[in-house]
Amino acid sequence: MAVRDFDVVVAGAGAAGLTAALAAAQRDCSVLLVEAHENYREACNTALSTAMIPGAGSRWQREHGIDDSPERFLADVNAKTGDQVDPVVASALTSVSAEVVEWLVDECGVELELVTDFTYPGHTAPRCHAVADRSGRTLHSQLLAALSGRSEVTFAVPMRLLDVTLDERGEVGGAVVAAPGGDPEPATSDAVILATNGFGARPDLVRRHMPEIADAIYFGGHGSTGDALEIGTRLGADTGFLDAYQGHGAVADPHGVMATWAAVMHGGVVVNERGERFGDETIGYSEYAALVLAQPGGHAWLIIDERIDGACRRFTDYQRLVEMRAIRWADDGPALERLIGPGSQIERTLAGVTTAIGGGADEFGRTFETELTPPYGAIRVTGALFHTQGGVLVSPRAGVLRDGAEVPGLFAAGGAAVGMSGHGASGYLAGNGLLAAVGLGYLAGRQSAAPV
């Protein structure tokens, strides 16, 4: 790559980097977008997601008569995290959420719609927007399509960001990049946006910062090796919430495909090999990862019926489970008991669900509206780590902080930056990760046109 000047250098071609590049290009900035991995289309966290982006107060909510606002969304975030969240990022992202969702549709051609058939744990209003097939690959492809027509953007793959250079005033002066096996090359620029995600693919960092999930399978992009955290640390950037992560309690085992938590929200239950439930599944799929791993053998069974099966068919990941025959069907309770294993108490568990209908919360605090009826489907699942939620601290405009002040010209988005999930796994709300990607990417791209 020939050395040249750019207005903005963006590192990472997931949702965060693509959004940042689009936002900067729309402000007539010349952009160098570098991505280290040739298979980024399949292996980035965006592609592995269900494409859910919360937008509080969007026009689609208004069309459906849904009363929502950034203030209500922020209250939900605070409730889910126990008020243990970065207030700057949480306020910035909830405030910009509807704006960025509408921008993605109107200015980028992303085909989002409001998800109204169920509400994920912790959200008090339907506010998640997704592509029709609820596939992260589709969302990612549509963002790439929006970028393809932008002459302002030079897209270099594979090309890795090695470092960010600062001038004598401590302001960004450029970036150092390299192709695999190639020599480092400088690219001068007044702004650099770190969008290389978190450190979920670094077992040593995961074990250091979140040991409870260190032995789980990793279900995120293999490029999430902590590049932004390392570069930021070298530059003296502030960091925080490094123990925060998004887990998932239902990755089909051994198939390696996510079983959507929509199955739970439609009435499914999760049981261990004894056929016993071990918590309120509706508290959230993130915190359920560690609970599943704590069960005998480190796995569990997600139990559904034909009604739930029909409700989940629009999810591409669920369709893959069907195609892979990962859902095993049993005609009745005794057959389901034999499927799960000798000594299973599954019939007693299902009877408990039926008893709880209309009778208030059960022993775990969960309420049920509809019983599970035969035939029953069973999916063997395990807990997984999806992505980290801590990173460099940023300002309301996504500027990287050092000693509490912005590093002029340096920005971070997505998993590279601190998220809005508090500590651990329990603060994660569905869509937090993608909102941190597109929301901070949008803010960073726009602000990088005129860095402080």
Protein backbone atom coordinates (compact mmCIF):
# COMPACT_ATOMS: atom_id res chain seq x y z
CA MET A 1 0.00 0.00 0.00
CA ALA A 2 1.41 3.35 -0.97
CA VAL A 3 1.93 5.74 1.92
CA ARG A 4 -0.50 8.65 1.69
CA ASP A 5 -2.54 11.04 3.77
CA PHE A 6 -6.04 10.24 4.99
CA ASP A 7 -8.47 12.27 7.02
CA VAL A 8 -9.45 9.22 9.05
CA VAL A 9 -8.00 5.74 9.61
CA VAL A 10 -10.49 3.11 10.81
CA ALA A 11 -9.29 -0.26 12.09
CA GLY A 12 -11.79 -3.12 11.91
CA ALA A 13 -14.53 -4.02 9.43
CA GLY A 14 -17.27 -5.23 11.72
CA ALA A 15 -20.36 -3.12 12.37
CA ALA A 16 -18.39 -0.58 14.40
CA GLY A 17 -15.72 0.02 11.77
CA LEU A 18 -18.11 -0.01 8.81
CA THR A 19 -20.47 2.42 10.53
CA ALA A 20 -17.59 4.71 11.46
CA ALA A 21 -16.22 4.66 7.91
CA LEU A 22 -19.67 5.40 6.45
CA ALA A 23 -20.31 8.27 8.86
CA ALA A 24 -16.91 9.82 8.14
CA ALA A 25 -17.27 9.36 4.37
CA GLN A 26 -20.65 11.07 4.42
CA ARG A 27 -18.85 14.12 5.79
CA ASP A 28 -16.47 14.08 2.79
CA CYS A 29 -13.54 12.63 4.71
CA SER A 30 -11.01 10.42 3.00
CA VAL A 31 -10.98 7.15 4.93
CA LEU A 32 -8.52 4.29 5.14
CA LEU A 33 -10.37 1.23 6.47
CA VAL A 34 -8.08 -1.64 7.41
CA GLU A 35 -9.15 -5.15 8.37
CA ALA A 36 -6.65 -7.76 9.54
CA HIS A 37 -8.56 -10.91 8.57
CA GLU A 38 -9.55 -12.00 5.08
CA ASN A 39 -12.53 -14.02 6.33
CA TYR A 40 -13.99 -11.10 8.30
CA ARG A 41 -17.37 -11.53 6.56
CA GLU A 42 -17.98 -14.83 8.32
CA ALA A 43 -15.88 -14.51 11.45
CA CYS A 44 -16.60 -11.07 12.91
CA ASN A 45 -18.90 -10.70 15.91
CA THR A 46 -21.43 -8.78 13.84
CA ALA A 47 -21.85 -11.71 11.46
CA LEU A 48 -22.31 -14.08 14.40
CA SER A 49 -25.05 -11.96 16.01
CA THR A 50 -28.83 -11.94 15.60
CA ALA A 51 -28.65 -8.36 14.26
CA MET A 52 -30.63 -6.81 17.13
CA ILE A 53 -30.10 -3.06 17.57
CA PRO A 54 -32.09 -1.23 20.27
CA GLY A 55 -33.52 2.15 19.28
CA ALA A 56 -35.56 3.95 21.92
CA GLY A 57 -38.15 6.30 20.46
CA SER A 58 -37.75 5.24 16.83
CA ARG A 59 -40.38 5.99 14.22
CA TRP A 60 -41.20 2.29 13.96
CA GLN A 61 -42.09 2.26 17.63
CA ARG A 62 -44.34 5.27 17.12
CA GLU A 63 -46.03 3.54 14.18
CA HIS A 64 -46.79 0.60 16.48
CA GLY A 65 -48.04 2.86 19.25
CA ILE A 66 -45.15 1.91 21.55
CA ASP A 67 -44.30 4.50 24.19
CA ASP A 68 -40.53 4.53 24.64
CA SER A 69 -37.76 7.04 25.14
CA PRO A 70 -34.00 7.26 25.76
CA GLU A 71 -34.78 7.96 29.41
CA ARG A 72 -36.77 4.74 29.73
CA PHE A 73 -34.05 2.80 27.95
CA LEU A 74 -31.41 4.25 30.28
CA ALA A 75 -33.54 3.30 33.27
CA ASP A 76 -33.66 -0.28 31.94
CA VAL A 77 -29.87 -0.30 31.57
CA ASN A 78 -29.40 0.98 35.11
CA ALA A 79 -31.85 -1.59 36.45
CA LYS A 80 -30.15 -4.48 34.64
CA THR A 81 -26.66 -3.43 35.72
CA GLY A 82 -27.63 -2.44 39.26
CA ASP A 83 -26.50 1.11 38.46
CA GLN A 84 -23.00 -0.26 37.88
CA VAL A 85 -22.50 1.06 34.36
CA ASP A 86 -20.33 3.69 32.73
CA PRO A 87 -22.78 6.62 32.88
CA VAL A 88 -21.18 8.50 30.00
CA VAL A 89 -21.42 5.69 27.49
CA ALA A 90 -24.84 4.52 28.70
CA SER A 91 -26.29 8.02 28.37
CA ALA A 92 -24.66 8.65 24.99
CA LEU A 93 -25.82 5.36 23.47
CA THR A 94 -29.38 5.41 24.76
CA SER A 95 -29.71 9.01 23.57
CA VAL A 96 -28.44 8.29 20.05
CA SER A 97 -30.04 4.85 19.65
CA ALA A 98 -33.14 5.86 17.65
CA GLU A 99 -31.16 8.34 15.58
CA VAL A 100 -28.58 5.77 14.52
CA VAL A 101 -31.21 3.13 13.70
CA GLU A 102 -33.04 5.59 11.46
CA TRP A 103 -29.75 6.72 9.89
CA LEU A 104 -28.83 3.13 9.08
CA VAL A 105 -32.10 2.73 7.21
CA ASP A 106 -32.38 6.15 5.57
CA GLU A 107 -28.75 6.88 4.71
CA CYS A 108 -27.16 3.44 4.50
CA GLY A 109 -29.95 1.30 3.06
CA VAL A 110 -29.94 -1.23 5.90
CA GLU A 111 -33.31 -2.99 5.98
CA LEU A 112 -34.28 -2.91 9.65
CA GLU A 113 -37.66 -3.59 11.17
CA LEU A 114 -38.98 -3.46 14.73
CA VAL A 115 -39.10 -6.82 16.53
CA THR A 116 -42.56 -7.04 18.10
CA ASP A 117 -43.22 -10.77 18.54
CA PHE A 118 -41.36 -10.92 21.86
CA THR A 119 -39.30 -8.73 24.18
CA TYR A 120 -35.84 -9.71 25.39
CA PRO A 121 -35.07 -9.84 29.14
CA GLY A 122 -34.58 -6.44 30.75
CA HIS A 123 -36.18 -4.37 28.01
CA THR A 124 -39.48 -2.92 29.24
CA ALA A 125 -40.58 -2.06 25.70
CA PRO A 126 -40.07 -3.64 22.27
CA ARG A 127 -37.15 -1.56 21.01
CA CYS A 128 -34.87 -4.01 19.20
CA HIS A 129 -34.64 -3.51 15.43
CA ALA A 130 -33.29 -6.23 13.15
CA VAL A 131 -33.09 -7.38 9.56
CA ALA A 132 -35.91 -9.67 8.46
CA ASP A 133 -34.01 -12.95 8.87
CA ARG A 134 -32.44 -11.80 12.14
CA SER A 135 -29.03 -12.77 10.86
CA GLY A 136 -25.88 -10.82 11.64
CA ARG A 137 -24.43 -11.91 8.32
CA THR A 138 -27.25 -10.15 6.52
CA LEU A 139 -26.76 -6.97 8.54
CA HIS A 140 -23.03 -7.06 7.90
CA SER A 141 -23.55 -7.63 4.17
CA GLN A 142 -25.88 -4.65 3.95
CA LEU A 143 -23.35 -2.41 5.68
CA LEU A 144 -20.67 -3.61 3.26
CA ALA A 145 -22.98 -2.87 0.35
CA ALA A 146 -23.47 0.68 1.63
CA LEU A 147 -19.71 1.13 1.83
CA SER A 148 -19.00 -0.29 -1.62
CA GLY A 149 -20.23 2.81 -3.41
CA ARG A 150 -18.18 5.29 -1.38
CA SER A 151 -15.21 6.62 -3.34
CA GLU A 152 -13.97 8.33 -0.18
CA VAL A 153 -13.07 4.97 1.38
CA THR A 154 -9.96 2.92 0.66
CA PHE A 155 -10.54 -0.58 2.02
CA ALA A 156 -7.38 -2.62 2.69
CA VAL A 157 -7.70 -6.34 3.51
CA PRO A 158 -5.74 -8.02 5.03
CA MET A 159 -4.11 -5.09 6.75
CA ARG A 160 -3.55 -4.75 10.50
CA LEU A 161 -3.32 -1.65 12.63
CA LEU A 162 -0.07 -1.94 14.58
CA ASP A 163 0.03 1.38 16.36
CA VAL A 164 -1.21 4.95 16.53
CA THR A 165 1.30 7.79 16.38
CA LEU A 166 0.97 10.96 18.40
CA ASP A 167 2.71 14.26 17.64
CA GLU A 168 4.61 16.42 20.10
CA ARG A 169 1.34 17.93 21.33
CA GLY A 170 -0.08 14.52 22.15
CA GLU A 171 -2.52 14.61 19.22
CA VAL A 172 -3.04 11.84 16.69
CA GLY A 173 -0.71 12.19 13.74
CA GLY A 174 -1.30 8.92 11.97
CA ALA A 175 -1.26 5.15 12.13
CA VAL A 176 1.15 2.32 11.47
CA VAL A 177 -0.30 -0.58 9.47
CA ALA A 178 1.07 -3.75 7.92
CA ALA A 179 0.00 -6.56 5.63
CA PRO A 180 0.72 -10.13 6.79
CA GLY A 181 4.46 -10.69 6.51
CA GLY A 182 4.95 -7.14 5.28
CA ASP A 183 6.89 -4.23 6.69
CA PRO A 184 5.15 -1.60 8.85
CA GLU A 185 3.89 1.33 6.81
CA PRO A 186 2.86 4.76 8.09
CA ALA A 187 -0.36 6.47 7.09
CA THR A 188 -0.66 10.08 8.18
CA SER A 189 -4.03 11.12 9.53
CA ASP A 190 -5.59 13.51 12.03
CA ALA A 191 -7.97 10.84 13.34
CA VAL A 192 -7.85 7.12 14.10
CA ILE A 193 -10.88 5.05 15.11
CA LEU A 194 -10.23 1.81 17.01
CA ALA A 195 -12.91 -0.71 16.02
CA THR A 196 -11.06 -4.00 16.33
CA ASN A 197 -13.44 -5.39 18.98
CA GLY A 198 -12.50 -6.72 22.39
CA PHE A 199 -10.31 -9.53 23.68
CA GLY A 200 -12.58 -12.58 23.73
CA ALA A 201 -10.16 -14.51 21.51
CA ARG A 202 -7.31 -14.02 24.00
CA PRO A 203 -7.64 -16.82 26.58
CA ASP A 204 -5.00 -15.28 28.83
CA LEU A 205 -6.85 -11.97 29.08
CA VAL A 206 -10.21 -13.69 29.52
CA ARG A 207 -8.85 -15.77 32.38
CA ARG A 208 -7.29 -12.71 33.98
CA HIS A 209 -10.35 -10.50 33.83
CA MET A 210 -13.32 -12.92 33.80
CA PRO A 211 -12.23 -16.28 35.19
CA GLU A 212 -15.80 -17.54 35.66
CA ILE A 213 -16.21 -17.91 31.89
CA ALA A 214 -12.61 -18.80 30.99
CA ASP A 215 -13.36 -22.49 30.39
CA ALA A 216 -16.39 -21.87 28.21
CA ILE A 217 -16.26 -22.27 24.46
CA TYR A 218 -15.57 -19.01 22.68
CA PHE A 219 -18.28 -18.16 20.18
CA GLY A 220 -17.03 -14.82 18.88
CA GLY A 221 -14.86 -13.50 16.10
CA HIS A 222 -11.33 -14.87 16.14
CA GLY A 223 -10.01 -11.38 15.37
CA SER A 224 -11.01 -10.13 18.82
CA THR A 225 -7.46 -10.37 20.16
CA GLY A 226 -7.34 -7.18 22.22
CA ASP A 227 -5.49 -5.04 19.66
CA ALA A 228 -7.34 -1.86 20.63
CA LEU A 229 -6.82 -2.50 24.34
CA GLU A 230 -3.10 -3.03 23.83
CA ILE A 231 -2.68 0.06 21.64
CA GLY A 232 -4.76 2.15 24.01
CA THR A 233 -2.77 0.94 27.01
CA ARG A 234 0.51 1.85 25.30
CA LEU A 235 -0.86 5.35 24.75
CA GLY A 236 -1.90 5.66 28.39
CA ALA A 237 -5.63 5.45 27.73
CA ASP A 238 -8.06 4.95 30.59
CA THR A 239 -9.70 1.52 30.70
CA GLY A 240 -12.57 0.05 32.64
CA PHE A 241 -15.14 -2.71 33.14
CA LEU A 242 -12.72 -5.33 31.85
CA ASP A 243 -14.66 -8.02 33.70
CA ALA A 244 -17.79 -7.37 31.61
CA TYR A 245 -18.86 -9.80 28.91
CA GLN A 246 -21.78 -11.18 26.97
CA GLY A 247 -22.27 -14.88 27.46
CA HIS A 248 -24.94 -17.14 26.06
CA GLY A 249 -26.57 -20.08 27.76
CA ALA A 250 -27.76 -21.92 24.68
CA VAL A 251 -25.17 -22.82 22.08
CA ALA A 252 -26.15 -26.18 20.60
CA ASP A 253 -23.64 -28.85 21.56
CA PRO A 254 -21.88 -30.33 19.62
CA HIS A 255 -23.30 -28.47 16.62
CA GLY A 256 -21.81 -25.08 17.50
CA VAL A 257 -24.88 -23.08 16.47
CA MET A 258 -26.69 -20.61 18.69
CA ALA A 259 -30.16 -21.64 19.80
CA THR A 260 -31.99 -18.36 19.98
CA TRP A 261 -33.12 -17.23 23.44
CA ALA A 262 -36.38 -16.25 21.75
CA ALA A 263 -37.28 -19.91 22.36
CA VAL A 264 -37.12 -19.21 26.10
CA MET A 265 -39.05 -15.95 25.85
CA HIS A 266 -41.79 -17.81 23.96
CA GLY A 267 -42.09 -20.25 26.87
CA GLY A 268 -39.23 -22.72 26.61
CA VAL A 269 -37.33 -23.98 29.64
CA VAL A 270 -33.74 -25.02 30.30
CA VAL A 271 -33.09 -28.17 32.34
CA ASN A 272 -30.00 -30.11 33.39
CA GLU A 273 -29.35 -33.78 32.71
CA ARG A 274 -31.62 -34.66 35.63
CA GLY A 275 -34.47 -32.87 33.89
CA GLU A 276 -34.53 -30.13 36.54
CA ARG A 277 -34.68 -26.41 35.98
CA PHE A 278 -32.06 -24.44 37.90
CA GLY A 279 -33.16 -20.81 37.62
CA ASP A 280 -35.40 -18.23 36.00
CA GLU A 281 -34.40 -18.43 32.36
CA THR A 282 -35.92 -15.02 31.60
CA ILE A 283 -33.30 -13.15 33.62
CA GLY A 284 -31.14 -13.16 30.50
CA TYR A 285 -29.12 -15.37 28.21
CA SER A 286 -25.82 -13.73 29.12
CA GLU A 287 -25.79 -14.65 32.80
CA TYR A 288 -27.23 -18.07 31.98
CA ALA A 289 -23.96 -19.13 30.34
CA ALA A 290 -22.20 -19.59 33.69
CA LEU A 291 -25.29 -21.26 35.19
CA VAL A 292 -25.38 -23.82 32.38
CA LEU A 293 -21.65 -24.48 32.70
CA ALA A 294 -22.14 -25.14 36.41
CA GLN A 295 -24.52 -28.04 35.70
CA PRO A 296 -23.34 -31.67 35.58
CA GLY A 297 -21.22 -32.14 32.50
CA GLY A 298 -21.33 -28.41 31.71
CA HIS A 299 -24.37 -28.73 29.50
CA ALA A 300 -28.17 -28.54 29.64
CA TRP A 301 -31.26 -29.09 27.49
CA LEU A 302 -33.48 -26.38 26.01
CA ILE A 303 -37.01 -27.77 25.89
CA ILE A 304 -39.56 -26.40 23.40
CA ASP A 305 -42.73 -27.50 21.65
CA GLU A 306 -44.16 -27.07 18.16
CA ARG A 307 -45.63 -23.66 18.96
CA ILE A 308 -42.20 -22.34 19.96
CA ASP A 309 -40.60 -24.07 16.99
CA GLY A 310 -42.90 -22.16 14.65
CA ALA A 311 -42.19 -18.83 16.38
CA CYS A 312 -38.41 -19.28 16.02
CA ARG A 313 -38.29 -20.32 12.38
CA ARG A 314 -37.58 -16.77 11.15
CA PHE A 315 -34.16 -16.85 12.85
CA THR A 316 -31.49 -18.01 10.42
CA ASP A 317 -29.53 -19.67 13.23
CA TYR A 318 -32.60 -21.64 14.29
CA GLN A 319 -33.15 -22.76 10.70
CA ARG A 320 -29.59 -24.07 10.73
CA LEU A 321 -30.40 -26.08 13.86
CA VAL A 322 -33.36 -27.59 12.06
CA GLU A 323 -31.24 -28.45 9.03
CA MET A 324 -28.55 -30.00 11.23
CA ARG A 325 -31.18 -32.04 13.11
CA ALA A 326 -29.97 -30.58 16.37
CA ILE A 327 -33.56 -30.52 17.66
CA ARG A 328 -34.55 -33.97 18.87
CA TRP A 329 -38.27 -34.60 19.14
CA ALA A 330 -40.14 -36.74 21.65
CA ASP A 331 -43.81 -37.70 21.33
CA ASP A 332 -44.59 -37.43 25.03
CA GLY A 333 -43.14 -36.98 28.51
CA PRO A 334 -41.78 -40.53 28.93
CA ALA A 335 -40.07 -40.32 25.53
CA LEU A 336 -38.54 -36.98 26.47
CA GLU A 337 -37.33 -38.50 29.73
CA ARG A 338 -35.61 -41.32 27.85
CA LEU A 339 -34.05 -38.81 25.47
CA ILE A 340 -32.56 -36.67 28.24
CA GLY A 341 -31.27 -39.61 30.21
CA PRO A 342 -32.01 -42.21 32.90
CA GLY A 343 -33.56 -40.82 36.06
CA SER A 344 -34.69 -37.60 34.44
CA GLN A 345 -37.35 -35.63 36.31
CA ILE A 346 -38.55 -33.86 33.18
CA GLU A 347 -42.20 -34.91 33.52
CA ARG A 348 -42.31 -33.44 37.01
CA THR A 349 -40.66 -30.27 35.68
CA LEU A 350 -43.20 -29.89 32.88
CA ALA A 351 -46.04 -30.47 35.34
CA GLY A 352 -44.60 -27.65 37.45
CA VAL A 353 -44.74 -25.30 34.47
CA THR A 354 -48.40 -26.18 33.91
CA THR A 355 -49.17 -25.60 37.59
CA ALA A 356 -47.48 -22.18 37.51
CA ILE A 357 -49.72 -20.86 34.72
CA GLY A 358 -52.00 -18.26 36.20
CA GLY A 359 -50.66 -18.92 39.67
CA GLY A 360 -48.02 -16.22 39.89
CA ALA A 361 -44.28 -16.65 39.93
CA ASP A 362 -42.81 -20.12 40.41
CA GLU A 363 -40.04 -21.08 42.84
CA PHE A 364 -37.46 -19.34 40.65
CA GLY A 365 -39.51 -16.18 40.18
CA ARG A 366 -40.60 -16.90 36.61
CA THR A 367 -44.17 -16.61 35.36
CA PHE A 368 -45.65 -18.68 32.53
CA GLU A 369 -48.53 -17.86 30.21
CA THR A 370 -48.66 -21.05 28.14
CA GLU A 371 -47.85 -24.66 28.94
CA LEU A 372 -45.52 -26.83 26.92
CA THR A 373 -47.42 -29.49 25.02
CA PRO A 374 -46.22 -32.64 23.21
CA PRO A 375 -44.47 -33.37 21.01
CA TYR A 376 -41.48 -31.84 22.75
CA GLY A 377 -38.25 -30.66 21.16
CA ALA A 378 -34.95 -30.90 23.03
CA ILE A 379 -31.72 -29.12 22.11
CA ARG A 380 -28.54 -30.06 23.97
CA VAL A 381 -26.77 -26.79 24.81
CA THR A 382 -23.76 -25.44 26.62
CA GLY A 383 -22.65 -22.01 27.84
CA ALA A 384 -20.39 -19.81 25.75
CA LEU A 385 -18.51 -16.53 25.76
CA PHE A 386 -19.61 -14.28 22.90
CA HIS A 387 -17.71 -11.05 23.40
CA THR A 388 -16.14 -8.81 26.01
CA GLN A 389 -17.82 -5.58 27.10
CA GLY A 390 -14.95 -3.65 28.65
CA GLY A 391 -12.23 -1.61 27.02
CA VAL A 392 -10.88 1.92 26.70
CA LEU A 393 -13.01 4.63 28.28
CA VAL A 394 -14.55 7.15 25.90
CA SER A 395 -16.29 10.51 26.00
CA PRO A 396 -19.89 11.16 24.86
CA ARG A 397 -18.51 11.64 21.34
CA ALA A 398 -16.55 8.36 21.41
CA GLY A 399 -13.20 10.09 22.01
CA VAL A 400 -10.67 7.93 23.85
CA LEU A 401 -9.87 9.26 27.32
CA ARG A 402 -6.49 9.58 28.99
CA ASP A 403 -6.51 10.83 32.57
CA GLY A 404 -10.14 11.77 32.00
CA ALA A 405 -9.51 13.99 28.95
CA GLU A 406 -9.84 13.14 25.26
CA VAL A 407 -6.78 12.17 23.29
CA PRO A 408 -7.25 14.55 20.33
CA GLY A 409 -8.09 12.58 17.21
CA LEU A 410 -8.36 9.14 18.83
CA PHE A 411 -11.74 7.39 18.96
CA ALA A 412 -13.04 3.92 19.83
CA ALA A 413 -16.22 2.01 19.02
CA GLY A 414 -17.78 -1.38 19.64
CA GLY A 415 -15.87 -3.89 21.74
CA ALA A 416 -12.74 -1.74 21.64
CA ALA A 417 -14.47 0.69 23.99
CA VAL A 418 -16.18 0.22 27.32
CA GLY A 419 -19.77 -0.89 26.76
CA MET A 420 -23.03 -0.31 28.61
CA SER A 421 -23.29 -3.65 30.41
CA GLY A 422 -21.78 -2.87 33.79
CA HIS A 423 -19.71 -5.62 35.38
CA GLY A 424 -19.75 -9.35 34.76
CA ALA A 425 -22.41 -10.97 32.58
CA SER A 426 -25.67 -10.03 34.29
CA GLY A 427 -25.84 -6.44 33.04
CA TYR A 428 -26.05 -7.36 29.38
CA LEU A 429 -29.25 -6.38 27.59
CA ALA A 430 -29.99 -7.84 24.16
CA GLY A 431 -28.49 -5.60 21.51
CA ASN A 432 -26.06 -3.79 23.83
CA GLY A 433 -23.09 -5.04 21.84
CA LEU A 434 -24.40 -4.00 18.44
CA LEU A 435 -25.62 -0.65 19.77
CA ALA A 436 -22.13 0.02 21.15
CA ALA A 437 -20.79 -0.88 17.70
CA VAL A 438 -23.07 1.17 15.49
CA GLY A 439 -23.74 3.90 18.05
CA LEU A 440 -20.14 4.64 18.97
CA GLY A 441 -19.11 4.03 15.36
CA TYR A 442 -21.63 6.62 14.20
CA LEU A 443 -20.48 9.14 16.81
CA ALA A 444 -16.80 8.50 16.13
CA GLY A 445 -17.18 8.74 12.37
CA ARG A 446 -19.03 12.03 12.57
CA GLN A 447 -16.74 13.57 15.18
CA SER A 448 -13.54 12.43 13.47
CA ALA A 449 -14.27 14.94 10.72
CA ALA A 450 -13.31 17.66 13.19
CA PRO A 451 -11.24 16.15 16.02
CA VAL A 452 -10.47 18.30 19.04
